[in-house]
Amino acid sequence: MPGKVSGIDLAGIVRRRWPGLPVLLATGYTERQVALPGVQILAKPYDIEQLVRVLAGLAGER
């Protein structure tokens, strides 16, 4: 992401503002651990079936 806010930072902001909103990070930087409760990680490269499964799971949590 451009600018000073990383995707992980943005996920934290979203989780604080809207705690019930599911958050999915798709990243190629899998070595950086995300310590945010309720944030799912999808490692790049991923196939469309993986994306559909993760999104369906997140939608089912709501």
C-alpha atoms as a PDB file:
ATOM      1  CA  MET A   1       0.000   0.000   0.000  1.00  0.00           C
ATOM      2  CA  PRO A   2       1.274   3.460  -0.747  1.00  0.00           C
ATOM      3  CA  GLY A   3       1.744   5.986   2.040  1.00  0.00           C
ATOM      4  CA  LYS A   4       2.545   5.562   5.697  1.00  0.00           C
ATOM      5  CA  VAL A   5      -0.299   3.185   6.612  1.00  0.00           C
ATOM      6  CA  SER A   6       0.397  -0.493   5.892  1.00  0.00           C
ATOM      7  CA  GLY A   7      -2.305  -3.045   5.200  1.00  0.00           C
ATOM      8  CA  ILE A   8      -1.816  -4.414   8.699  1.00  0.00           C
ATOM      9  CA  ASP A   9      -2.167  -0.912  10.157  1.00  0.00           C
ATOM     10  CA  LEU A  10      -5.354  -0.381   8.138  1.00  0.00           C
ATOM     11  CA  ALA A  11      -6.747  -3.715   9.326  1.00  0.00           C
ATOM     12  CA  GLY A  12      -6.146  -2.603  12.927  1.00  0.00           C
ATOM     13  CA  ILE A  13      -7.924   0.689  12.312  1.00  0.00           C
ATOM     14  CA  VAL A  14     -10.901  -1.102  10.750  1.00  0.00           C
ATOM     15  CA  ARG A  15     -11.073  -3.626  13.620  1.00  0.00           C
ATOM     16  CA  ARG A  16     -11.116  -0.806  16.195  1.00  0.00           C
ATOM     17  CA  ARG A  17     -13.794   1.218  14.386  1.00  0.00           C
ATOM     18  CA  TRP A  18     -15.992  -1.718  13.354  1.00  0.00           C
ATOM     19  CA  PRO A  19     -15.146  -4.677  15.618  1.00  0.00           C
ATOM     20  CA  GLY A  20     -17.735  -6.989  14.047  1.00  0.00           C
ATOM     21  CA  LEU A  21     -16.590  -6.446  10.471  1.00  0.00           C
ATOM     22  CA  PRO A  22     -14.588  -9.372   9.055  1.00  0.00           C
ATOM     23  CA  VAL A  23     -11.145  -8.389   7.765  1.00  0.00           C
ATOM     24  CA  LEU A  24      -9.123 -10.336   5.199  1.00  0.00           C
ATOM     25  CA  LEU A  25      -5.552  -9.434   4.279  1.00  0.00           C
ATOM     26  CA  ALA A  26      -4.194 -10.832   1.020  1.00  0.00           C
ATOM     27  CA  THR A  27      -0.424 -10.520   1.173  1.00  0.00           C
ATOM     28  CA  GLY A  28       2.772 -11.733  -0.358  1.00  0.00           C
ATOM     29  CA  TYR A  29       4.614 -10.857   2.857  1.00  0.00           C
ATOM     30  CA  THR A  30       3.724 -13.954   4.850  1.00  0.00           C
ATOM     31  CA  GLU A  31       6.819 -13.690   7.041  1.00  0.00           C
ATOM     32  CA  ARG A  32       5.307 -10.670   8.818  1.00  0.00           C
ATOM     33  CA  GLN A  33       3.022 -11.967  11.525  1.00  0.00           C
ATOM     34  CA  VAL A  34      -0.319 -10.309  12.096  1.00  0.00           C
ATOM     35  CA  ALA A  35      -1.269 -10.128  15.755  1.00  0.00           C
ATOM     36  CA  LEU A  36      -4.762  -8.767  15.246  1.00  0.00           C
ATOM     37  CA  PRO A  37      -7.667 -10.809  16.576  1.00  0.00           C
ATOM     38  CA  GLY A  38     -10.268 -11.539  13.938  1.00  0.00           C
ATOM     39  CA  VAL A  39      -8.032 -10.762  10.962  1.00  0.00           C
ATOM     40  CA  GLN A  40      -7.685 -13.541   8.389  1.00  0.00           C
ATOM     41  CA  ILE A  41      -4.582 -13.851   6.198  1.00  0.00           C
ATOM     42  CA  LEU A  42      -4.592 -15.154   2.638  1.00  0.00           C
ATOM     43  CA  ALA A  43      -1.071 -15.698   1.295  1.00  0.00           C
ATOM     44  CA  LYS A  44      -0.320 -14.756  -2.295  1.00  0.00           C
ATOM     45  CA  PRO A  45      -0.356 -16.369  -4.717  1.00  0.00           C
ATOM     46  CA  TYR A  46      -3.738 -17.942  -4.066  1.00  0.00           C
ATOM     47  CA  ASP A  47      -6.282 -19.468  -6.385  1.00  0.00           C
ATOM     48  CA  ILE A  48      -9.859 -18.316  -6.781  1.00  0.00           C
ATOM     49  CA  GLU A  49     -11.190 -21.382  -4.945  1.00  0.00           C
ATOM     50  CA  GLN A  50      -9.174 -20.447  -1.852  1.00  0.00           C
ATOM     51  CA  LEU A  51     -10.491 -16.889  -1.994  1.00  0.00           C
ATOM     52  CA  VAL A  52     -14.083 -18.076  -2.351  1.00  0.00           C
ATOM     53  CA  ARG A  53     -13.709 -20.461   0.620  1.00  0.00           C
ATOM     54  CA  VAL A  54     -12.218 -17.776   2.869  1.00  0.00           C
ATOM     55  CA  LEU A  55     -14.815 -15.184   1.895  1.00  0.00           C
ATOM     56  CA  ALA A  56     -17.648 -17.687   2.371  1.00  0.00           C
ATOM     57  CA  GLY A  57     -16.279 -18.507   5.822  1.00  0.00           C
ATOM     58  CA  LEU A  58     -16.077 -14.841   6.760  1.00  0.00           C
ATOM     59  CA  ALA A  59     -19.594 -14.208   5.487  1.00  0.00           C
ATOM     60  CA  GLY A  60     -20.851 -17.193   7.511  1.00  0.00           C
ATOM     61  CA  GLU A  61     -19.427 -15.660  10.696  1.00  0.00           C
ATOM     62  CA  ARG A  62     -21.685 -12.647  10.433  1.00  0.00           C
END
